[in-house]
C-alpha atoms as a PDB file:
ATOM      1  CA  UNK A   1      -3.561  14.159  -4.977  1.00  0.00           C
ATOM      2  CA  UNK A   2      -0.760  12.093  -6.404  1.00  0.00           C
ATOM      3  CA  UNK A   3       0.391  11.091  -2.872  1.00  0.00           C
ATOM      4  CA  UNK A   4      -2.542   9.158  -2.508  1.00  0.00           C
ATOM      5  CA  UNK A   5      -2.254   6.224  -5.428  1.00  0.00           C
ATOM      6  CA  UNK A   6       1.437   5.266  -3.983  1.00  0.00           C
ATOM      7  CA  UNK A   7       0.854   5.808  -0.763  1.00  0.00           C
ATOM      8  CA  UNK A   8      -2.487   2.937  -1.527  1.00  0.00           C
ATOM      9  CA  UNK A   9      -0.388   0.483  -3.207  1.00  0.00           C
ATOM     10  CA  UNK A  10       2.787   0.839  -0.641  1.00  0.00           C
ATOM     11  CA  UNK A  11      -0.351   0.355   1.944  1.00  0.00           C
ATOM     12  CA  UNK A  12      -1.525  -3.094  -0.145  1.00  0.00           C
ATOM     13  CA  UNK A  13       1.650  -4.346  -0.218  1.00  0.00           C
ATOM     14  CA  UNK A  14       2.690  -3.997   3.260  1.00  0.00           C
ATOM     15  CA  UNK A  15      -0.570  -5.659   3.930  1.00  0.00           C
ATOM     16  CA  UNK A  16      -0.217  -8.578   2.009  1.00  0.00           C
ATOM     17  CA  UNK A  17       3.067  -9.267   3.332  1.00  0.00           C
ATOM     18  CA  UNK A  18       1.619  -8.804   7.219  1.00  0.00           C
ATOM     19  CA  UNK A  19      -1.198 -10.920   6.023  1.00  0.00           C
ATOM     20  CA  UNK A  20       1.359 -13.750   4.955  1.00  0.00           C
END
């Protein structure tokens, strides 16, 4: 479950960079 929190933040940041 600890890996789910950081994974969501990392995926959200990666999508934000690709969306830009």
